[in-house]
Amino acid sequence: MLEQLLEQQFDEMVAIRRHLHMYPELSFYEVQTPAYIANYHRKLGLDVREHVGGRGVVATLRGSKPGKTVAIRADFDALPIQEETDVPYKSKHDGVMHACGHDGHTAIALGLAAALVQLKDELCGNVVFIHQFAEEIAPGGAKPMIEDGCLDGVDVIYGTHLWAPMPLGQIQVREGAIMAAADAVYIDIQGRGGHGAEPHATVDAVLTGSQFVTAAQSIVSRKVDPLKPAVYSIGHFEAINSFNVIADRVHLKGTVRTFDADVRDIMEREIEATLKAVCDAAGATYVYRYERGYPAVINDANETAFIANIAKKYADVHVTSPMMIGEDFAYYMQHVPGTFFFTGAKSPEADVVYPHHHARFNFDERAMLIAAKTLGDATLTYLHVSREKGDA
């Protein structure tokens, strides 16, 4: 029954996704999007809380029979990217774009709510729809929403990410660590500037910074257990000067990705140790700031196996390798068991597939129906099995 209801709901899911795509809002600046979400759920008759943890929305569907509570999480923030697609639902906000699929995630949750509300009389338990703001920028929206009670009474949580590089009709799961902890590094190196023709009278901050960038690459290969993954990348190196001026200061920004807590500690410590050694040798000084972002996403083994079994009805299920990208869904699973999986959204007709966070990013909207069926079936099965076991 749910499958048919979702198929009937699909056109509306597409319309919702395209509306949200046209009116994207940046992390921590979402106003119209949460209002739209809250209004949609109210029309369905759900209990709605707004401004949860800041800009979040929590809607609760209460079944007619007692039972456990399943949470479905969907994020809704966009990215500071100028869209370069030619779709008719292209972003109307300059410099802002849904380039990661969060518009689709929201449409999935709303479409699923619209279908499940029609099964309310048969529902054994409750379904909580957690619509989260600010996934894209740490500290993110998950922590403040949890602190504001979005998980109160929740027994299990499920979430998915539409994944454009993965073929439509495929779902990828993994028990344990599936996504990495994502940290940020900020470094200022202070030298002594001067004339480009007299380098001997300076402490070249550009040269010092370059030596540090090169030296730090050996941290992963020489300080970290080779069986434990780690990534360290400098993405920003800034020294603005005339062509004939030796810079007195450079600013660097980078990211660290890990799965193990001990490796995370090693990276934080060894980056500064390398920085200090290089700066001491050059006669420069430094300011070092290591900001811990989202922890690793650790999927519950039982819930992952459960979702994988459900997903086989709607897609080819594969076990994915761990990914070095980050997600604050990790915080939810520090409080309740759950699992996060990837739903393939690469169109078989697409000649070129642009990656997430790209100005030409898009996804096959049929993936939303696969995700909604998987999440919906898992929700009903969990609640009814729990009821039969007498766990309510």
Protein backbone atom coordinates (compact mmCIF):
# COMPACT_ATOMS: atom_id res chain seq x y z
CA MET A 1 0.00 0.00 0.00
CA LEU A 2 2.75 2.47 0.93
CA GLU A 3 4.56 1.81 -2.34
CA GLN A 4 1.49 2.76 -4.36
CA LEU A 5 0.87 5.86 -2.24
CA LEU A 6 4.44 7.05 -2.81
CA GLU A 7 4.17 6.47 -6.53
CA GLN A 8 1.04 8.62 -6.52
CA GLN A 9 2.97 11.21 -4.52
CA PHE A 10 5.99 11.29 -6.83
CA ASP A 11 4.87 14.16 -9.07
CA GLU A 12 4.34 16.33 -6.01
CA MET A 13 7.77 15.36 -4.66
CA VAL A 14 9.29 16.55 -7.92
CA ALA A 15 7.33 19.81 -7.73
CA ILE A 16 8.49 20.36 -4.14
CA ARG A 17 12.09 19.66 -5.05
CA ARG A 18 12.00 22.08 -7.98
CA HIS A 19 10.36 24.80 -5.92
CA LEU A 20 13.04 24.51 -3.26
CA HIS A 21 15.73 24.42 -5.93
CA MET A 22 14.52 27.75 -7.30
CA TYR A 23 14.61 29.39 -3.87
CA PRO A 24 17.73 28.11 -2.08
CA GLU A 25 18.94 29.53 1.22
CA LEU A 26 22.41 29.41 2.75
CA SER A 27 23.33 27.63 5.97
CA PHE A 28 22.20 29.51 9.09
CA TYR A 29 20.23 31.96 6.90
CA GLU A 30 17.28 29.72 6.11
CA VAL A 31 13.97 31.55 6.56
CA GLN A 32 11.50 30.71 3.80
CA THR A 33 12.54 27.07 3.51
CA PRO A 34 11.70 26.05 7.10
CA ALA A 35 8.48 28.07 6.90
CA TYR A 36 7.53 26.17 3.73
CA ILE A 37 8.31 22.83 5.41
CA ALA A 38 6.36 23.66 8.56
CA ASN A 39 3.34 24.82 6.57
CA TYR A 40 3.35 21.63 4.49
CA HIS A 41 3.36 19.41 7.57
CA ARG A 42 0.62 21.45 9.25
CA LYS A 43 -1.62 20.97 6.22
CA LEU A 44 -1.09 17.22 6.68
CA GLY A 45 -2.25 17.53 10.29
CA LEU A 46 1.08 16.74 11.93
CA ASP A 47 2.32 18.26 15.18
CA VAL A 48 4.93 20.84 14.19
CA ARG A 49 7.70 22.59 16.13
CA GLU A 50 9.56 25.43 14.44
CA HIS A 51 12.85 27.15 15.31
CA VAL A 52 14.19 23.92 16.80
CA GLY A 53 17.80 24.56 17.72
CA GLY A 54 17.63 27.73 15.66
CA ARG A 55 16.07 27.17 12.24
CA GLY A 56 15.09 23.51 12.36
CA VAL A 57 11.62 22.02 11.97
CA VAL A 58 10.35 18.87 13.68
CA ALA A 59 7.05 17.33 12.61
CA THR A 60 5.52 14.34 14.37
CA LEU A 61 3.04 11.88 12.90
CA ARG A 62 1.34 10.02 15.72
CA GLY A 63 -0.11 6.63 14.84
CA SER A 64 -3.47 5.49 16.11
CA LYS A 65 -1.82 2.59 17.97
CA PRO A 66 0.94 2.77 20.57
CA GLY A 67 4.45 1.80 19.60
CA LYS A 68 8.00 2.98 19.12
CA THR A 69 9.20 6.13 17.35
CA VAL A 70 11.22 6.31 14.13
CA ALA A 71 12.96 9.51 13.06
CA ILE A 72 13.68 10.47 9.45
CA ARG A 73 16.22 13.24 8.96
CA ALA A 74 16.44 15.54 5.94
CA ASP A 75 18.70 18.60 5.58
CA PHE A 76 17.62 21.69 3.63
CA ASP A 77 20.47 24.24 3.34
CA ALA A 78 22.10 25.28 0.05
CA LEU A 79 25.59 26.35 -1.00
CA PRO A 80 27.23 29.67 -2.02
CA ILE A 81 27.54 28.66 -5.69
CA GLN A 82 26.36 30.44 -8.83
CA GLU A 83 24.27 27.89 -10.70
CA GLU A 84 25.31 27.17 -14.29
CA THR A 85 22.66 24.65 -15.33
CA ASP A 86 20.00 25.43 -17.93
CA VAL A 87 17.08 23.68 -16.20
CA PRO A 88 13.75 25.56 -16.04
CA TYR A 89 13.84 25.41 -12.24
CA LYS A 90 17.26 27.06 -12.02
CA SER A 91 18.03 29.01 -8.85
CA LYS A 92 16.51 32.50 -8.72
CA HIS A 93 18.96 33.58 -6.00
CA ASP A 94 22.27 34.82 -7.37
CA GLY A 95 25.24 33.06 -5.88
CA VAL A 96 23.15 30.45 -4.06
CA MET A 97 22.39 26.95 -5.29
CA HIS A 98 21.19 23.56 -4.15
CA ALA A 99 24.32 21.81 -5.39
CA CYS A 100 24.26 18.82 -3.04
CA GLY A 101 20.75 17.38 -3.22
CA HIS A 102 19.31 18.78 0.00
CA ASP A 103 16.28 20.00 -1.93
CA GLY A 104 15.70 16.37 -2.89
CA HIS A 105 16.17 15.18 0.68
CA THR A 106 13.47 17.58 1.84
CA ALA A 107 11.11 16.53 -0.93
CA ILE A 108 11.62 12.87 0.04
CA ALA A 109 10.68 13.55 3.67
CA LEU A 110 7.63 15.64 2.78
CA GLY A 111 6.42 13.14 0.21
CA LEU A 112 6.88 10.31 2.69
CA ALA A 113 4.94 12.24 5.33
CA ALA A 114 2.08 12.79 2.89
CA ALA A 115 1.94 9.06 2.14
CA LEU A 116 2.28 7.85 5.74
CA VAL A 117 -0.43 10.16 7.04
CA GLN A 118 -2.87 8.19 4.90
CA LEU A 119 -1.86 5.10 6.86
CA LYS A 120 -2.24 6.75 10.24
CA ASP A 121 -5.03 4.44 11.37
CA GLU A 122 -2.76 1.42 10.83
CA LEU A 123 0.38 3.00 12.26
CA CYS A 124 1.77 1.37 15.40
CA GLY A 125 3.85 4.16 16.88
CA ASN A 126 5.13 7.52 15.71
CA VAL A 127 7.26 9.00 12.94
CA VAL A 128 9.33 12.12 13.58
CA PHE A 129 10.50 14.13 10.59
CA ILE A 130 13.64 16.07 11.48
CA HIS A 131 14.23 18.85 8.97
CA GLN A 132 17.72 20.13 9.68
CA PHE A 133 19.28 23.44 8.81
CA ALA A 134 22.98 24.14 8.17
CA GLU A 135 24.46 20.75 7.39
CA GLU A 136 27.04 22.27 5.07
CA ILE A 137 28.89 24.42 7.62
CA ALA A 138 30.23 23.31 10.99
CA PRO A 139 29.12 23.44 13.77
CA GLY A 140 26.02 22.52 11.77
CA GLY A 141 22.41 22.24 12.78
CA ALA A 142 22.28 18.72 14.20
CA LYS A 143 23.83 19.48 17.61
CA PRO A 144 21.59 22.41 18.50
CA MET A 145 18.52 20.53 17.28
CA ILE A 146 19.42 17.56 19.50
CA GLU A 147 20.00 19.91 22.44
CA ASP A 148 16.55 21.36 21.76
CA GLY A 149 14.92 17.95 22.01
CA CYS A 150 14.49 16.73 18.44
CA LEU A 151 15.42 13.19 19.51
CA ASP A 152 13.26 13.08 22.61
CA GLY A 153 11.40 9.77 22.61
CA VAL A 154 13.07 8.61 19.37
CA ASP A 155 14.11 4.94 19.26
CA VAL A 156 15.89 4.83 15.91
CA ILE A 157 16.90 7.25 13.14
CA TYR A 158 17.39 6.80 9.39
CA GLY A 159 18.81 9.10 6.75
CA THR A 160 19.98 8.99 3.16
CA HIS A 161 21.99 11.10 0.76
CA LEU A 162 21.12 11.24 -2.92
CA TRP A 163 24.43 10.48 -4.59
CA ALA A 164 24.86 11.73 -8.16
CA PRO A 165 28.05 9.77 -9.03
CA MET A 166 26.28 6.48 -8.20
CA PRO A 167 23.94 4.87 -10.75
CA LEU A 168 20.19 5.21 -10.38
CA GLY A 169 18.77 1.99 -8.99
CA GLN A 170 21.64 1.36 -6.60
CA ILE A 171 21.85 1.84 -2.84
CA GLN A 172 25.10 1.73 -0.90
CA VAL A 173 25.29 0.85 2.80
CA ARG A 174 28.03 0.18 5.31
CA GLU A 175 28.01 -0.82 8.96
CA GLY A 176 30.45 1.02 11.20
CA ALA A 177 32.38 4.01 9.89
CA ILE A 178 30.95 5.21 6.57
CA MET A 179 31.91 8.92 6.59
CA ALA A 180 34.89 10.65 8.16
CA ALA A 181 35.38 13.19 10.89
CA ALA A 182 35.89 16.53 9.17
CA ASP A 183 38.19 19.08 10.83
CA ALA A 184 39.58 22.44 9.74
CA VAL A 185 43.08 23.88 10.12
CA TYR A 186 43.93 27.61 10.08
CA ILE A 187 47.54 28.79 10.04
CA ASP A 188 49.21 32.20 9.95
CA ILE A 189 52.97 32.31 9.37
CA GLN A 190 54.70 35.58 10.23
CA GLY A 191 58.06 36.30 8.65
CA ARG A 192 59.84 39.55 7.84
CA GLY A 193 59.11 41.10 4.48
CA GLY A 194 61.35 43.11 2.27
CA HIS A 195 62.56 43.88 -1.22
CA GLY A 196 62.54 41.02 -3.69
CA ALA A 197 66.07 41.87 -4.68
CA GLU A 198 67.35 41.46 -1.11
CA PRO A 199 66.02 38.10 0.14
CA HIS A 200 68.94 37.75 2.56
CA ALA A 201 67.48 40.59 4.61
CA THR A 202 64.07 38.93 4.97
CA VAL A 203 62.32 35.93 6.44
CA ASP A 204 60.33 34.76 3.45
CA ALA A 205 56.86 33.74 4.63
CA VAL A 206 55.95 32.27 1.23
CA LEU A 207 58.99 30.02 1.20
CA THR A 208 58.40 29.02 4.82
CA GLY A 209 54.76 28.25 4.12
CA SER A 210 55.66 26.24 1.05
CA GLN A 211 58.19 24.21 3.00
CA PHE A 212 55.57 23.53 5.66
CA VAL A 213 52.98 22.39 3.10
CA THR A 214 55.49 19.96 1.62
CA ALA A 215 56.80 18.72 4.98
CA ALA A 216 53.30 18.15 6.38
CA GLN A 217 52.53 15.65 3.63
CA SER A 218 54.77 13.16 5.40
CA ILE A 219 52.61 13.16 8.53
CA VAL A 220 50.11 10.67 7.13
CA SER A 221 52.78 8.41 5.63
CA ARG A 222 55.18 8.46 8.60
CA LYS A 223 53.15 9.23 11.74
CA VAL A 224 49.88 7.40 11.15
CA ASP A 225 49.28 3.65 11.15
CA PRO A 226 48.99 2.77 7.42
CA LEU A 227 45.94 0.62 8.20
CA LYS A 228 44.09 3.66 9.55
CA PRO A 229 42.96 6.20 6.91
CA ALA A 230 43.78 9.89 7.17
CA VAL A 231 43.75 12.83 4.77
CA TYR A 232 45.38 16.22 5.17
CA SER A 233 44.86 18.82 2.45
CA ILE A 234 45.74 22.50 2.23
CA GLY A 235 43.10 24.22 0.13
CA HIS A 236 44.00 27.88 0.67
CA PHE A 237 47.40 29.61 0.54
CA GLU A 238 47.28 33.39 0.55
CA ALA A 239 50.07 35.95 0.27
CA ILE A 240 49.05 39.12 -1.55
CA ASN A 241 52.01 41.27 -2.59
CA SER A 242 53.59 43.02 -5.52
CA PHE A 243 55.82 40.95 -7.79
CA ASN A 244 58.96 42.47 -6.27
CA VAL A 245 58.03 42.18 -2.58
CA ILE A 246 58.89 39.24 -0.34
CA ALA A 247 55.86 38.52 1.81
CA ASP A 248 56.06 38.91 5.54
CA ARG A 249 52.89 36.89 6.17
CA VAL A 250 50.93 34.01 4.66
CA HIS A 251 47.57 32.53 5.60
CA LEU A 252 46.78 28.85 5.07
CA LYS A 253 43.55 26.87 5.44
CA GLY A 254 43.13 23.13 5.16
CA THR A 255 41.13 20.11 6.19
CA VAL A 256 41.82 16.87 8.04
CA ARG A 257 39.71 13.74 7.58
CA THR A 258 39.94 10.72 9.88
CA PHE A 259 37.89 7.86 11.30
CA ASP A 260 39.77 6.91 14.48
CA ALA A 261 39.92 9.18 17.52
CA ASP A 262 43.59 8.41 18.09
CA VAL A 263 44.47 9.31 14.50
CA ARG A 264 42.56 12.56 14.88
CA ASP A 265 44.69 13.38 17.94
CA ILE A 266 47.90 12.50 16.09
CA MET A 267 47.01 14.74 13.14
CA GLU A 268 46.20 17.71 15.36
CA ARG A 269 49.44 17.32 17.29
CA GLU A 270 51.81 16.50 14.43
CA ILE A 271 50.64 19.29 12.14
CA GLU A 272 51.63 21.83 14.76
CA ALA A 273 54.90 20.01 15.51
CA THR A 274 55.83 20.17 11.82
CA LEU A 275 54.76 23.80 11.59
CA LYS A 276 56.87 24.73 14.61
CA ALA A 277 59.93 22.94 13.29
CA VAL A 278 59.74 24.64 9.89
CA CYS A 279 59.10 28.09 11.36
CA ASP A 280 61.87 27.74 13.95
CA ALA A 281 64.33 26.80 11.22
CA ALA A 282 63.32 29.81 9.14
CA GLY A 283 63.14 32.30 12.00
CA ALA A 284 59.41 32.80 11.54
CA THR A 285 56.54 32.67 14.04
CA TYR A 286 53.09 31.18 13.64
CA VAL A 287 49.52 31.06 14.91
CA TYR A 288 47.87 27.64 14.69
CA ARG A 289 44.18 26.84 15.09
CA TYR A 290 42.73 23.34 14.76
CA GLU A 291 38.92 23.23 14.74
CA ARG A 292 37.23 19.90 15.24
CA GLY A 293 34.21 19.60 13.01
CA TYR A 294 31.76 16.75 12.60
CA PRO A 295 32.73 13.38 14.09
CA ALA A 296 32.82 10.25 11.95
CA VAL A 297 29.47 8.78 10.92
CA ILE A 298 29.30 5.36 12.59
CA ASN A 299 26.38 3.24 11.43
CA ASP A 300 24.75 0.76 13.79
CA ALA A 301 25.37 -2.79 12.53
CA ASN A 302 21.84 -4.07 13.20
CA GLU A 303 20.10 -1.07 11.66
CA THR A 304 22.38 -1.15 8.62
CA ALA A 305 21.57 -4.82 8.00
CA PHE A 306 17.88 -4.01 8.47
CA ILE A 307 17.93 -1.17 5.93
CA ALA A 308 19.97 -3.24 3.47
CA ASN A 309 17.37 -6.02 3.60
CA ILE A 310 14.53 -3.55 3.03
CA ALA A 311 16.37 -1.74 0.22
CA LYS A 312 16.77 -4.96 -1.80
CA LYS A 313 13.10 -4.62 -2.75
CA TYR A 314 13.75 -1.33 -4.54
CA ALA A 315 17.41 -1.25 -5.62
CA ASP A 316 20.63 -3.18 -6.05
CA VAL A 317 22.34 -3.00 -2.67
CA HIS A 318 26.11 -2.75 -2.37
CA VAL A 319 28.51 -2.29 0.52
CA THR A 320 30.45 0.94 0.02
CA SER A 321 33.98 1.72 1.10
CA PRO A 322 34.29 4.43 3.76
CA MET A 323 34.15 7.95 2.34
CA MET A 324 36.29 10.87 3.48
CA ILE A 325 33.44 13.37 3.22
CA GLY A 326 31.77 14.57 6.43
CA GLU A 327 28.16 14.69 7.68
CA ASP A 328 26.69 15.91 10.95
CA PHE A 329 24.22 13.03 10.87
CA ALA A 330 26.98 11.55 13.05
CA TYR A 331 25.67 13.46 16.07
CA TYR A 332 22.23 11.82 15.96
CA MET A 333 23.75 8.35 16.15
CA GLN A 334 25.70 9.30 19.23
CA HIS A 335 22.31 9.35 20.98
CA VAL A 336 20.16 6.72 19.26
CA PRO A 337 20.92 3.77 16.95
CA GLY A 338 20.49 4.34 13.26
CA THR A 339 22.03 4.18 9.82
CA PHE A 340 22.86 6.53 6.96
CA PHE A 341 23.00 5.26 3.38
CA PHE A 342 23.54 6.52 -0.15
CA THR A 343 20.88 6.42 -2.86
CA GLY A 344 22.20 6.39 -6.42
CA ALA A 345 21.01 9.37 -8.45
CA LYS A 346 23.08 9.21 -11.65
CA SER A 347 20.79 9.28 -14.65
CA PRO A 348 21.46 6.47 -17.14
CA GLU A 349 20.81 9.02 -19.89
CA ALA A 350 23.39 11.52 -18.63
CA ASP A 351 26.52 11.95 -20.76
CA VAL A 352 28.31 13.96 -18.08
CA VAL A 353 27.77 13.72 -14.33
CA TYR A 354 28.91 16.73 -12.36
CA PRO A 355 29.98 16.14 -8.79
CA HIS A 356 28.34 17.44 -5.66
CA HIS A 357 29.16 21.11 -4.90
CA HIS A 358 29.58 21.84 -8.63
CA ALA A 359 27.82 24.71 -10.42
CA ARG A 360 26.30 22.24 -12.91
CA PHE A 361 25.25 19.64 -10.33
CA ASN A 362 21.94 17.86 -10.82
CA PHE A 363 20.47 14.44 -10.07
CA ASP A 364 17.91 12.02 -11.48
CA GLU A 365 14.71 12.80 -9.60
CA ARG A 366 13.56 9.19 -9.83
CA ALA A 367 16.08 8.48 -7.07
CA MET A 368 13.78 10.31 -4.66
CA LEU A 369 11.10 7.65 -5.11
CA ILE A 370 13.58 4.84 -4.43
CA ALA A 371 14.79 6.59 -1.28
CA ALA A 372 11.26 7.32 -0.08
CA LYS A 373 10.16 3.72 -0.58
CA THR A 374 13.19 2.41 1.30
CA LEU A 375 12.80 4.83 4.20
CA GLY A 376 9.04 4.37 4.35
CA ASP A 377 9.14 0.59 4.21
CA ALA A 378 11.86 0.53 6.87
CA THR A 379 9.77 2.79 9.09
CA LEU A 380 6.60 0.71 8.86
CA THR A 381 8.47 -2.57 9.22
CA TYR A 382 10.38 -1.37 12.27
CA LEU A 383 7.23 -0.13 13.99
CA HIS A 384 5.15 -3.21 13.22
CA VAL A 385 7.87 -5.70 14.10
CA SER A 386 8.47 -3.88 17.37
CA ARG A 387 4.75 -4.03 18.05
CA GLU A 388 4.62 -7.76 17.37
CA LYS A 389 7.56 -8.34 19.69
CA GLY A 390 5.80 -6.39 22.41
CA ASP A 391 8.51 -3.72 22.51
CA ALA A 392 6.05 -0.85 22.34
